[in-house]
Amino acid sequence: MDASDDYARALQVALRYVSFRQRSITEVRRRVGKEFSQPVVEQVLASLSRYGYLDDVEFAQRWRDSRERRRPRGRFALRRELRAKGIADNIIDATLEDLDESSSAYRAGERRARQWLAGGEMDYSTFRRKMWDYLRRRGFGSGVTGETVSRLWAEYGKDVA
């Protein structure tokens, strides 16, 4: 098998991989690198980038937007996720620069607050502890978490203690 056959096969593997959802350059490099040599992988990455299939800046922005809509996360969690996808720190910084963490934290906690407080049995200290842990696990900072806990209790709880 010659180099052009390897390139054609590697390109097919990469195209199939990016056809399901947008991928980062590192994700494609890892996937194609399992089966093909480094020079072939780099050639495939160059082709996919040239034709617009790979763009880490766009990938990071779409990842953030998707998280905002479906499963809001804080700055820390988003940074960790994007790093795991192989996105460079300067791209991550630019992507997260205008993130509205307060809004994201509120949306992340609102459904839980309604569930937990629907029966009227939960006191503020229990709610605060549970919601604090819930939001912190999703990567929100302590300042945003504290504000969100108070806001959610004021809207869905009894009296703020």
C-alpha atoms as a PDB file:
ATOM      1  CA  MET A   1       0.000   0.000   0.000  1.00  0.00           C
ATOM      2  CA  ASP A   2       1.436   3.381  -0.933  1.00  0.00           C
ATOM      3  CA  ALA A   3       1.243   6.787   0.725  1.00  0.00           C
ATOM      4  CA  SER A   4      -1.652   8.020  -1.425  1.00  0.00           C
ATOM      5  CA  ASP A   5      -3.744   5.005  -0.388  1.00  0.00           C
ATOM      6  CA  ASP A   6      -2.945   5.711   3.268  1.00  0.00           C
ATOM      7  CA  TYR A   7      -3.884   9.358   2.808  1.00  0.00           C
ATOM      8  CA  ALA A   8      -7.191   8.473   1.120  1.00  0.00           C
ATOM      9  CA  ARG A   9      -8.102   5.970   3.853  1.00  0.00           C
ATOM     10  CA  ALA A  10      -7.063   8.373   6.618  1.00  0.00           C
ATOM     11  CA  LEU A  11      -9.100  11.153   5.043  1.00  0.00           C
ATOM     12  CA  GLN A  12     -12.165   8.892   4.957  1.00  0.00           C
ATOM     13  CA  VAL A  13     -11.691   7.996   8.635  1.00  0.00           C
ATOM     14  CA  ALA A  14     -11.364  11.681   9.535  1.00  0.00           C
ATOM     15  CA  LEU A  15     -14.366  12.753   7.455  1.00  0.00           C
ATOM     16  CA  ARG A  16     -16.510  10.064   9.031  1.00  0.00           C
ATOM     17  CA  TYR A  17     -15.338  11.196  12.478  1.00  0.00           C
ATOM     18  CA  VAL A  18     -16.200  14.872  11.892  1.00  0.00           C
ATOM     19  CA  SER A  19     -19.512  14.069  10.196  1.00  0.00           C
ATOM     20  CA  PHE A  20     -21.286  13.320  13.498  1.00  0.00           C
ATOM     21  CA  ARG A  21     -20.391  16.593  15.215  1.00  0.00           C
ATOM     22  CA  GLN A  22     -17.741  19.275  15.030  1.00  0.00           C
ATOM     23  CA  ARG A  23     -14.379  18.164  16.444  1.00  0.00           C
ATOM     24  CA  SER A  24     -11.239  19.888  17.613  1.00  0.00           C
ATOM     25  CA  ILE A  25      -7.975  19.433  15.741  1.00  0.00           C
ATOM     26  CA  THR A  26      -6.575  17.426  18.658  1.00  0.00           C
ATOM     27  CA  GLU A  27      -9.575  15.080  18.701  1.00  0.00           C
ATOM     28  CA  VAL A  28      -9.142  14.326  14.997  1.00  0.00           C
ATOM     29  CA  ARG A  29      -5.371  13.974  15.417  1.00  0.00           C
ATOM     30  CA  ARG A  30      -5.889  11.401  18.203  1.00  0.00           C
ATOM     31  CA  ARG A  31      -8.501   9.450  16.258  1.00  0.00           C
ATOM     32  CA  VAL A  32      -6.661   9.306  12.927  1.00  0.00           C
ATOM     33  CA  GLY A  33      -3.311   8.813  14.686  1.00  0.00           C
ATOM     34  CA  LYS A  34      -4.495   5.469  16.058  1.00  0.00           C
ATOM     35  CA  GLU A  35      -4.351   3.945  12.581  1.00  0.00           C
ATOM     36  CA  PHE A  36      -2.003   6.072  10.490  1.00  0.00           C
ATOM     37  CA  SER A  37       1.510   7.499  10.572  1.00  0.00           C
ATOM     38  CA  GLN A  38       2.205  11.029  11.770  1.00  0.00           C
ATOM     39  CA  PRO A  39       2.990  12.484   8.305  1.00  0.00           C
ATOM     40  CA  VAL A  40      -0.311  11.135   6.937  1.00  0.00           C
ATOM     41  CA  VAL A  41      -2.195  12.492   9.954  1.00  0.00           C
ATOM     42  CA  GLU A  42      -0.695  15.956   9.480  1.00  0.00           C
ATOM     43  CA  GLN A  43      -1.535  15.898   5.771  1.00  0.00           C
ATOM     44  CA  VAL A  44      -5.158  14.995   6.563  1.00  0.00           C
ATOM     45  CA  LEU A  45      -5.394  17.717   9.228  1.00  0.00           C
ATOM     46  CA  ALA A  46      -4.070  20.296   6.772  1.00  0.00           C
ATOM     47  CA  SER A  47      -6.651  19.251   4.179  1.00  0.00           C
ATOM     48  CA  LEU A  48      -9.546  19.327   6.636  1.00  0.00           C
ATOM     49  CA  SER A  49      -8.462  22.739   7.930  1.00  0.00           C
ATOM     50  CA  ARG A  50      -8.104  24.116   4.416  1.00  0.00           C
ATOM     51  CA  TYR A  51     -11.653  23.010   3.533  1.00  0.00           C
ATOM     52  CA  GLY A  52     -13.132  24.406   6.753  1.00  0.00           C
ATOM     53  CA  TYR A  53     -13.850  21.152   8.587  1.00  0.00           C
ATOM     54  CA  LEU A  54     -11.459  21.974  11.439  1.00  0.00           C
ATOM     55  CA  ASP A  55     -11.353  25.294  13.264  1.00  0.00           C
ATOM     56  CA  ASP A  56     -10.547  25.289  16.984  1.00  0.00           C
ATOM     57  CA  VAL A  57     -11.826  28.847  17.508  1.00  0.00           C
ATOM     58  CA  GLU A  58     -15.222  28.001  16.039  1.00  0.00           C
ATOM     59  CA  PHE A  59     -15.257  24.641  17.842  1.00  0.00           C
ATOM     60  CA  ALA A  60     -14.637  26.295  21.227  1.00  0.00           C
ATOM     61  CA  GLN A  61     -17.359  28.887  20.638  1.00  0.00           C
ATOM     62  CA  ARG A  62     -19.886  26.269  19.568  1.00  0.00           C
ATOM     63  CA  TRP A  63     -18.982  24.081  22.558  1.00  0.00           C
ATOM     64  CA  ARG A  64     -19.585  27.003  24.891  1.00  0.00           C
ATOM     65  CA  ASP A  65     -22.873  27.940  23.189  1.00  0.00           C
ATOM     66  CA  SER A  66     -24.082  24.344  23.339  1.00  0.00           C
ATOM     67  CA  ARG A  67     -23.293  24.169  27.040  1.00  0.00           C
ATOM     68  CA  GLU A  68     -25.061  27.467  27.622  1.00  0.00           C
ATOM     69  CA  ARG A  69     -28.230  26.137  25.997  1.00  0.00           C
ATOM     70  CA  ARG A  70     -28.336  22.562  27.245  1.00  0.00           C
ATOM     71  CA  ARG A  71     -26.228  22.021  30.351  1.00  0.00           C
ATOM     72  CA  PRO A  72     -24.862  25.294  31.732  1.00  0.00           C
ATOM     73  CA  ARG A  73     -21.399  25.112  33.227  1.00  0.00           C
ATOM     74  CA  GLY A  74     -19.169  27.597  34.971  1.00  0.00           C
ATOM     75  CA  ARG A  75     -15.912  29.026  33.718  1.00  0.00           C
ATOM     76  CA  PHE A  76     -13.812  26.396  35.543  1.00  0.00           C
ATOM     77  CA  ALA A  77     -15.706  23.429  34.093  1.00  0.00           C
ATOM     78  CA  LEU A  78     -15.772  24.868  30.571  1.00  0.00           C
ATOM     79  CA  ARG A  79     -12.030  25.542  30.725  1.00  0.00           C
ATOM     80  CA  ARG A  80     -11.402  21.956  31.872  1.00  0.00           C
ATOM     81  CA  GLU A  81     -13.623  20.508  29.128  1.00  0.00           C
ATOM     82  CA  LEU A  82     -12.016  22.584  26.370  1.00  0.00           C
ATOM     83  CA  ARG A  83      -8.512  21.715  27.563  1.00  0.00           C
ATOM     84  CA  ALA A  84      -9.458  18.031  27.447  1.00  0.00           C
ATOM     85  CA  LYS A  85     -10.488  18.584  23.826  1.00  0.00           C
ATOM     86  CA  GLY A  86      -7.022  19.988  23.104  1.00  0.00           C
ATOM     87  CA  ILE A  87      -7.982  23.639  22.699  1.00  0.00           C
ATOM     88  CA  ALA A  88      -5.142  26.126  23.302  1.00  0.00           C
ATOM     89  CA  ASP A  89      -5.335  28.345  26.385  1.00  0.00           C
ATOM     90  CA  ASN A  90      -5.412  31.586  24.367  1.00  0.00           C
ATOM     91  CA  ILE A  91      -8.472  30.323  22.441  1.00  0.00           C
ATOM     92  CA  ILE A  92     -10.136  29.231  25.691  1.00  0.00           C
ATOM     93  CA  ASP A  93      -9.487  32.641  27.257  1.00  0.00           C
ATOM     94  CA  ALA A  94     -11.020  34.443  24.276  1.00  0.00           C
ATOM     95  CA  THR A  95     -14.014  32.091  24.223  1.00  0.00           C
ATOM     96  CA  LEU A  96     -14.792  32.494  27.918  1.00  0.00           C
ATOM     97  CA  GLU A  97     -14.049  36.223  28.078  1.00  0.00           C
ATOM     98  CA  ASP A  98     -17.679  37.400  27.895  1.00  0.00           C
ATOM     99  CA  LEU A  99     -19.296  34.416  29.641  1.00  0.00           C
ATOM    100  CA  ASP A 100     -22.232  35.488  31.833  1.00  0.00           C
ATOM    101  CA  GLU A 101     -21.700  33.106  34.728  1.00  0.00           C
ATOM    102  CA  SER A 102     -24.535  34.558  36.810  1.00  0.00           C
ATOM    103  CA  SER A 103     -27.096  33.763  34.143  1.00  0.00           C
ATOM    104  CA  SER A 104     -25.627  30.303  33.545  1.00  0.00           C
ATOM    105  CA  ALA A 105     -25.583  29.475  37.257  1.00  0.00           C
ATOM    106  CA  TYR A 106     -29.183  30.616  37.625  1.00  0.00           C
ATOM    107  CA  ARG A 107     -30.335  28.440  34.723  1.00  0.00           C
ATOM    108  CA  ALA A 108     -28.328  25.489  36.032  1.00  0.00           C
ATOM    109  CA  GLY A 109     -29.851  25.770  39.502  1.00  0.00           C
ATOM    110  CA  GLU A 110     -33.398  26.869  38.734  1.00  0.00           C
ATOM    111  CA  ARG A 111     -34.841  23.453  37.903  1.00  0.00           C
ATOM    112  CA  ARG A 112     -33.231  21.874  40.955  1.00  0.00           C
ATOM    113  CA  ALA A 113     -34.511  24.658  43.187  1.00  0.00           C
ATOM    114  CA  ARG A 114     -38.071  24.104  41.992  1.00  0.00           C
ATOM    115  CA  GLN A 115     -37.759  20.343  42.548  1.00  0.00           C
ATOM    116  CA  TRP A 116     -36.215  20.602  45.979  1.00  0.00           C
ATOM    117  CA  LEU A 117     -38.502  23.356  47.241  1.00  0.00           C
ATOM    118  CA  ALA A 118     -41.783  22.128  45.739  1.00  0.00           C
ATOM    119  CA  GLY A 119     -42.800  20.249  48.882  1.00  0.00           C
ATOM    120  CA  GLY A 120     -41.951  23.121  51.196  1.00  0.00           C
ATOM    121  CA  GLU A 121     -40.041  20.798  53.522  1.00  0.00           C
ATOM    122  CA  MET A 122     -36.497  22.047  52.955  1.00  0.00           C
ATOM    123  CA  ASP A 123     -35.019  24.732  55.195  1.00  0.00           C
ATOM    124  CA  TYR A 124     -32.568  27.368  53.978  1.00  0.00           C
ATOM    125  CA  SER A 125     -29.415  25.774  55.390  1.00  0.00           C
ATOM    126  CA  THR A 126     -30.151  22.433  53.702  1.00  0.00           C
ATOM    127  CA  PHE A 127     -31.070  24.157  50.453  1.00  0.00           C
ATOM    128  CA  ARG A 128     -27.957  26.331  50.598  1.00  0.00           C
ATOM    129  CA  ARG A 129     -25.666  23.327  51.172  1.00  0.00           C
ATOM    130  CA  LYS A 130     -27.241  21.230  48.414  1.00  0.00           C
ATOM    131  CA  MET A 131     -27.389  24.038  45.863  1.00  0.00           C
ATOM    132  CA  TRP A 132     -23.864  25.200  46.739  1.00  0.00           C
ATOM    133  CA  ASP A 133     -22.495  21.708  46.119  1.00  0.00           C
ATOM    134  CA  TYR A 134     -24.570  21.305  42.957  1.00  0.00           C
ATOM    135  CA  LEU A 135     -23.329  24.549  41.391  1.00  0.00           C
ATOM    136  CA  ARG A 136     -19.715  24.101  42.489  1.00  0.00           C
ATOM    137  CA  ARG A 137     -19.639  20.636  40.875  1.00  0.00           C
ATOM    138  CA  ARG A 138     -20.665  22.349  37.644  1.00  0.00           C
ATOM    139  CA  GLY A 139     -17.676  24.659  37.736  1.00  0.00           C
ATOM    140  CA  PHE A 140     -19.149  27.864  39.113  1.00  0.00           C
ATOM    141  CA  GLY A 141     -17.022  30.061  41.373  1.00  0.00           C
ATOM    142  CA  SER A 142     -17.944  30.659  44.996  1.00  0.00           C
ATOM    143  CA  GLY A 143     -19.030  34.287  44.458  1.00  0.00           C
ATOM    144  CA  VAL A 144     -21.453  33.439  41.666  1.00  0.00           C
ATOM    145  CA  THR A 145     -22.639  30.374  43.570  1.00  0.00           C
ATOM    146  CA  GLY A 146     -23.436  32.387  46.711  1.00  0.00           C
ATOM    147  CA  GLU A 147     -25.370  35.014  44.747  1.00  0.00           C
ATOM    148  CA  THR A 148     -27.296  32.340  42.860  1.00  0.00           C
ATOM    149  CA  VAL A 149     -28.216  30.408  46.007  1.00  0.00           C
ATOM    150  CA  SER A 150     -29.631  33.586  47.583  1.00  0.00           C
ATOM    151  CA  ARG A 151     -31.505  34.556  44.432  1.00  0.00           C
ATOM    152  CA  LEU A 152     -33.037  31.089  43.981  1.00  0.00           C
ATOM    153  CA  TRP A 153     -34.089  30.901  47.625  1.00  0.00           C
ATOM    154  CA  ALA A 154     -35.687  34.347  47.382  1.00  0.00           C
ATOM    155  CA  GLU A 155     -37.674  33.273  44.333  1.00  0.00           C
ATOM    156  CA  TYR A 156     -38.576  29.676  45.219  1.00  0.00           C
ATOM    157  CA  GLY A 157     -38.035  29.325  48.967  1.00  0.00           C
ATOM    158  CA  LYS A 158     -39.803  30.735  51.975  1.00  0.00           C
ATOM    159  CA  ASP A 159     -37.873  33.402  53.870  1.00  0.00           C
ATOM    160  CA  VAL A 160     -34.168  33.949  53.334  1.00  0.00           C
ATOM    161  CA  ALA A 161     -32.540  33.015  56.629  1.00  0.00           C
END
